[in-house]
Amino acid sequence: MSRTFKVSKDPQFAEKLEDVVGLYLNPPEHALVFCVDEKSQIQALDRTQPGLPLKKGRCGTMTHDYKRNGTATLFAALNTLDGTVISMCDDRHRHQEWLKFLRLIDDVNPGWGEIHLIADNYATHKHPKVQRWLARHPRFHMHFKPTSSSWLNMVERFFRDLTDKRIRRGVFRDVEELIVAIEHYIDHHNQAPKPFIWTAKAADILEKVKRARAKLNNRHSA
């Protein structure tokens, strides 16, 4: 058994890390902090034969082969304060869809002041039209995590749970069935949400990264 990892080479790693972790550990007052991302190319898979249901003494079974019935993209914003999720499904993930999702976040939070979004460095998030929209909506503040640091965005944990608990073992005859299943999962999650608690301090993470880089450098020089 082996574990894979990748050390970020972002020249602004420390600054971005401290910015994001600061939002987790000491969020601004009277503001909302969301971890945002897209889960693209979610496949609507239908098994070629029906599986056997779970029963006492036997695990549920599914055929290894399947039929692909299209894909969908899930846009999600995880509220770091209470764990609720704002979501939108679409068939693509261009800057146009990202703008539509920003407008959705804006619309469902009319009574709040500043909104801080933690995102990755995907070009869609930095498109000129997105920049112009953000300039017209100054209560929105973008915070970009370091490259190769998906573990720093807490919405990735939600995507993992969604995949494990609903998508991976699902049977979907078309994209519409897939989207309905995703929406039902998120609705159920939002009925009793639990925030993902972040405890690691930026200084501790930086120290671990420093040790990892030192080990890699020693291997390369050996």
Protein backbone atom coordinates (compact mmCIF):
# COMPACT_ATOMS: atom_id res chain seq x y z
CA MET A 1 0.00 0.00 0.00
CA SER A 2 1.31 3.46 -0.87
CA ARG A 3 0.16 7.03 -0.28
CA THR A 4 0.52 9.80 -2.84
CA PHE A 5 1.13 13.46 -2.15
CA LYS A 6 2.29 16.61 -3.90
CA VAL A 7 4.07 19.56 -2.34
CA SER A 8 2.86 22.89 -3.70
CA LYS A 9 5.38 24.95 -5.65
CA ASP A 10 3.29 28.11 -5.40
CA PRO A 11 5.71 31.02 -4.74
CA GLN A 12 2.99 32.66 -2.61
CA PHE A 13 2.20 29.48 -0.70
CA ALA A 14 2.75 30.93 2.78
CA GLU A 15 0.75 34.11 2.15
CA LYS A 16 -2.21 32.24 0.60
CA LEU A 17 -2.14 29.59 3.31
CA GLU A 18 -2.19 32.16 6.11
CA ASP A 19 -5.02 34.03 4.38
CA VAL A 20 -7.25 30.96 4.03
CA VAL A 21 -6.50 29.49 7.46
CA GLY A 22 -7.09 32.93 8.97
CA LEU A 23 -10.61 32.89 7.52
CA TYR A 24 -11.21 29.46 9.06
CA LEU A 25 -9.87 30.22 12.51
CA ASN A 26 -10.79 33.89 12.83
CA PRO A 27 -13.52 34.80 10.32
CA PRO A 28 -14.54 38.47 9.96
CA GLU A 29 -17.53 39.61 12.02
CA HIS A 30 -20.87 40.10 10.25
CA ALA A 31 -19.55 38.33 7.16
CA LEU A 32 -20.03 34.98 5.44
CA VAL A 33 -17.19 32.69 4.43
CA PHE A 34 -17.80 30.07 1.74
CA CYS A 35 -15.55 27.37 0.33
CA VAL A 36 -16.49 27.19 -3.35
CA ASP A 37 -15.61 24.83 -6.19
CA GLU A 38 -16.96 22.85 -9.12
CA LYS A 39 -17.16 19.08 -9.30
CA SER A 40 -17.12 18.60 -13.05
CA GLN A 41 -17.78 15.62 -15.30
CA ILE A 42 -19.97 13.75 -12.80
CA GLN A 43 -21.08 10.74 -14.83
CA ALA A 44 -24.63 9.41 -14.94
CA LEU A 45 -23.80 5.70 -14.92
CA ASP A 46 -26.34 2.94 -15.42
CA ARG A 47 -25.35 -0.65 -14.70
CA THR A 48 -25.81 -3.18 -17.50
CA GLN A 49 -27.58 -5.55 -15.09
CA PRO A 50 -29.47 -4.94 -11.83
CA GLY A 51 -27.47 -5.55 -8.66
CA LEU A 52 -28.46 -7.54 -5.59
CA PRO A 53 -29.61 -5.48 -2.58
CA LEU A 54 -27.88 -5.44 0.78
CA LYS A 55 -29.20 -8.11 3.18
CA LYS A 56 -28.10 -9.85 6.36
CA GLY A 57 -24.99 -11.89 5.68
CA ARG A 58 -24.47 -10.44 2.20
CA CYS A 59 -23.22 -7.11 0.98
CA GLY A 60 -24.92 -5.32 -1.86
CA THR A 61 -23.60 -6.15 -5.32
CA MET A 62 -23.21 -4.18 -8.54
CA THR A 63 -21.96 -5.17 -11.97
CA HIS A 64 -18.48 -3.95 -12.87
CA ASP A 65 -19.59 -2.72 -16.30
CA TYR A 66 -21.90 0.20 -16.94
CA LYS A 67 -23.40 2.53 -19.53
CA ARG A 68 -22.50 6.23 -19.62
CA ASN A 69 -25.54 8.46 -19.91
CA GLY A 70 -23.98 11.92 -19.89
CA THR A 71 -22.33 14.19 -17.35
CA ALA A 72 -23.15 17.12 -15.09
CA THR A 73 -21.17 19.73 -13.19
CA LEU A 74 -21.99 20.59 -9.59
CA PHE A 75 -21.17 24.07 -8.30
CA ALA A 76 -21.13 24.18 -4.49
CA ALA A 77 -20.50 26.78 -1.79
CA LEU A 78 -19.97 25.39 1.71
CA ASN A 79 -20.78 27.83 4.51
CA THR A 80 -17.90 27.43 6.95
CA LEU A 81 -20.00 28.76 9.84
CA ASP A 82 -22.89 26.30 9.79
CA GLY A 83 -22.02 23.68 7.14
CA THR A 84 -24.94 24.43 4.81
CA VAL A 85 -24.36 24.15 1.07
CA ILE A 86 -25.56 26.37 -1.77
CA SER A 87 -25.56 24.39 -5.01
CA MET A 88 -26.24 24.58 -8.72
CA CYS A 89 -26.00 21.89 -11.39
CA ASP A 90 -25.22 22.65 -15.01
CA ASP A 91 -23.90 20.83 -18.04
CA ARG A 92 -20.71 22.93 -18.37
CA HIS A 93 -18.27 24.82 -16.15
CA ARG A 94 -17.21 27.89 -18.12
CA HIS A 95 -17.01 31.42 -16.76
CA GLN A 96 -20.65 31.92 -17.79
CA GLU A 97 -21.81 29.19 -15.41
CA TRP A 98 -19.48 30.46 -12.70
CA LEU A 99 -21.05 33.93 -13.00
CA LYS A 100 -24.50 32.38 -12.75
CA PHE A 101 -23.41 30.67 -9.53
CA LEU A 102 -21.98 33.91 -8.10
CA ARG A 103 -25.34 35.58 -8.77
CA LEU A 104 -27.08 32.71 -6.97
CA ILE A 105 -24.86 33.16 -3.90
CA ASP A 106 -25.60 36.89 -4.03
CA ASP A 107 -29.37 36.36 -4.32
CA VAL A 108 -29.74 33.88 -1.44
CA ASN A 109 -27.75 36.05 1.00
CA PRO A 110 -29.39 39.49 0.68
CA GLY A 111 -29.18 40.50 4.34
CA TRP A 112 -25.50 39.91 4.90
CA GLY A 113 -22.58 42.27 4.51
CA GLU A 114 -19.29 40.97 3.16
CA ILE A 115 -19.00 37.58 1.48
CA HIS A 116 -15.62 35.85 1.34
CA LEU A 117 -15.11 33.04 -1.17
CA ILE A 118 -12.24 30.54 -0.90
CA ALA A 119 -11.52 29.08 -4.34
CA ASP A 120 -8.83 27.40 -6.42
CA ASN A 121 -6.79 29.02 -9.17
CA TYR A 122 -8.93 27.73 -12.04
CA ALA A 123 -8.88 30.23 -14.93
CA THR A 124 -12.69 30.42 -14.93
CA HIS A 125 -12.59 32.04 -11.48
CA LYS A 126 -10.31 34.81 -12.80
CA HIS A 127 -11.94 35.48 -16.17
CA PRO A 128 -12.13 39.21 -17.12
CA LYS A 129 -15.93 39.14 -17.07
CA VAL A 130 -15.83 37.61 -13.60
CA GLN A 131 -13.42 40.33 -12.49
CA ARG A 132 -15.81 42.99 -13.80
CA TRP A 133 -18.75 41.40 -11.97
CA LEU A 134 -16.76 41.32 -8.74
CA ALA A 135 -15.83 44.99 -9.19
CA ARG A 136 -19.55 45.82 -9.38
CA HIS A 137 -20.25 43.74 -6.26
CA PRO A 138 -17.65 44.96 -3.75
CA ARG A 139 -19.07 42.92 -0.88
CA PHE A 140 -17.57 39.84 -2.58
CA HIS A 141 -13.94 39.04 -1.74
CA MET A 142 -12.01 36.25 -3.48
CA HIS A 143 -9.32 34.27 -1.64
CA PHE A 144 -7.30 31.85 -3.78
CA LYS A 145 -5.68 28.88 -2.11
CA PRO A 146 -2.16 27.78 -3.12
CA THR A 147 -1.78 25.53 -6.14
CA SER A 148 -1.80 21.77 -5.51
CA SER A 149 -3.58 22.28 -2.18
CA SER A 150 -7.08 20.90 -2.66
CA TRP A 151 -6.97 19.68 0.97
CA LEU A 152 -7.16 23.32 2.04
CA ASN A 153 -10.63 23.82 0.57
CA MET A 154 -13.21 22.29 2.91
CA VAL A 155 -15.82 21.87 0.18
CA GLU A 156 -13.65 19.03 -1.15
CA ARG A 157 -14.61 17.03 1.95
CA PHE A 158 -18.26 17.54 1.06
CA PHE A 159 -17.61 16.38 -2.51
CA ARG A 160 -15.90 13.27 -1.13
CA ASP A 161 -18.90 12.44 1.08
CA LEU A 162 -21.33 13.06 -1.78
CA THR A 163 -19.35 10.74 -4.05
CA ASP A 164 -18.98 7.96 -1.48
CA LYS A 165 -22.51 8.05 -0.09
CA ARG A 166 -24.61 8.83 -3.15
CA ILE A 167 -22.93 8.98 -6.54
CA ARG A 168 -20.53 6.03 -6.58
CA ARG A 169 -23.17 3.41 -5.86
CA GLY A 170 -25.98 5.14 -7.72
CA VAL A 171 -27.73 3.98 -10.87
CA PHE A 172 -28.76 6.82 -13.18
CA ARG A 173 -30.55 6.30 -16.48
CA ASP A 174 -29.95 9.88 -17.54
CA VAL A 175 -28.42 13.16 -16.37
CA GLU A 176 -31.74 14.35 -14.95
CA GLU A 177 -31.85 11.39 -12.55
CA LEU A 178 -28.28 12.16 -11.51
CA ILE A 179 -29.07 15.81 -10.82
CA VAL A 180 -32.20 14.91 -8.83
CA ALA A 181 -30.13 12.51 -6.69
CA ILE A 182 -27.50 15.19 -6.05
CA GLU A 183 -30.16 17.76 -5.14
CA HIS A 184 -31.90 15.34 -2.78
CA TYR A 185 -28.59 14.56 -1.06
CA ILE A 186 -27.84 18.27 -0.58
CA ASP A 187 -31.37 19.00 0.66
CA HIS A 188 -31.01 16.21 3.22
CA HIS A 189 -27.57 17.50 4.23
CA ASN A 190 -28.94 21.02 4.75
CA GLN A 191 -31.69 19.79 7.06
CA ALA A 192 -29.10 18.93 9.72
CA PRO A 193 -25.79 20.42 8.59
CA LYS A 194 -22.58 20.06 10.55
CA PRO A 195 -19.74 22.50 10.00
CA PHE A 196 -16.33 21.10 9.11
CA ILE A 197 -14.16 22.26 11.99
CA TRP A 198 -10.67 23.44 11.03
CA THR A 199 -8.09 23.25 13.83
CA ALA A 200 -4.64 23.34 12.21
CA LYS A 201 -2.75 26.63 12.49
CA ALA A 202 -0.94 28.03 9.47
CA ALA A 203 2.43 27.91 11.26
CA ASP A 204 2.03 24.19 11.97
CA ILE A 205 1.12 23.45 8.35
CA LEU A 206 4.07 25.50 7.10
CA GLU A 207 6.40 23.50 9.33
CA LYS A 208 5.07 20.20 7.93
CA VAL A 209 5.46 21.47 4.36
CA LYS A 210 9.01 22.60 5.14
CA ARG A 211 9.87 19.11 6.41
CA ALA A 212 8.27 17.49 3.34
CA ARG A 213 10.26 19.71 1.00
CA ALA A 214 13.47 18.94 2.88
CA LYS A 215 12.85 15.19 2.51
CA LEU A 216 12.20 15.57 -1.21
CA ASN A 217 15.36 17.62 -1.67
CA ASN A 218 17.39 15.00 0.22
CA ARG A 219 16.03 12.25 -2.03
CA HIS A 220 16.86 14.19 -5.16
CA SER A 221 20.38 14.95 -3.96
CA ALA A 222 21.08 11.39 -2.79
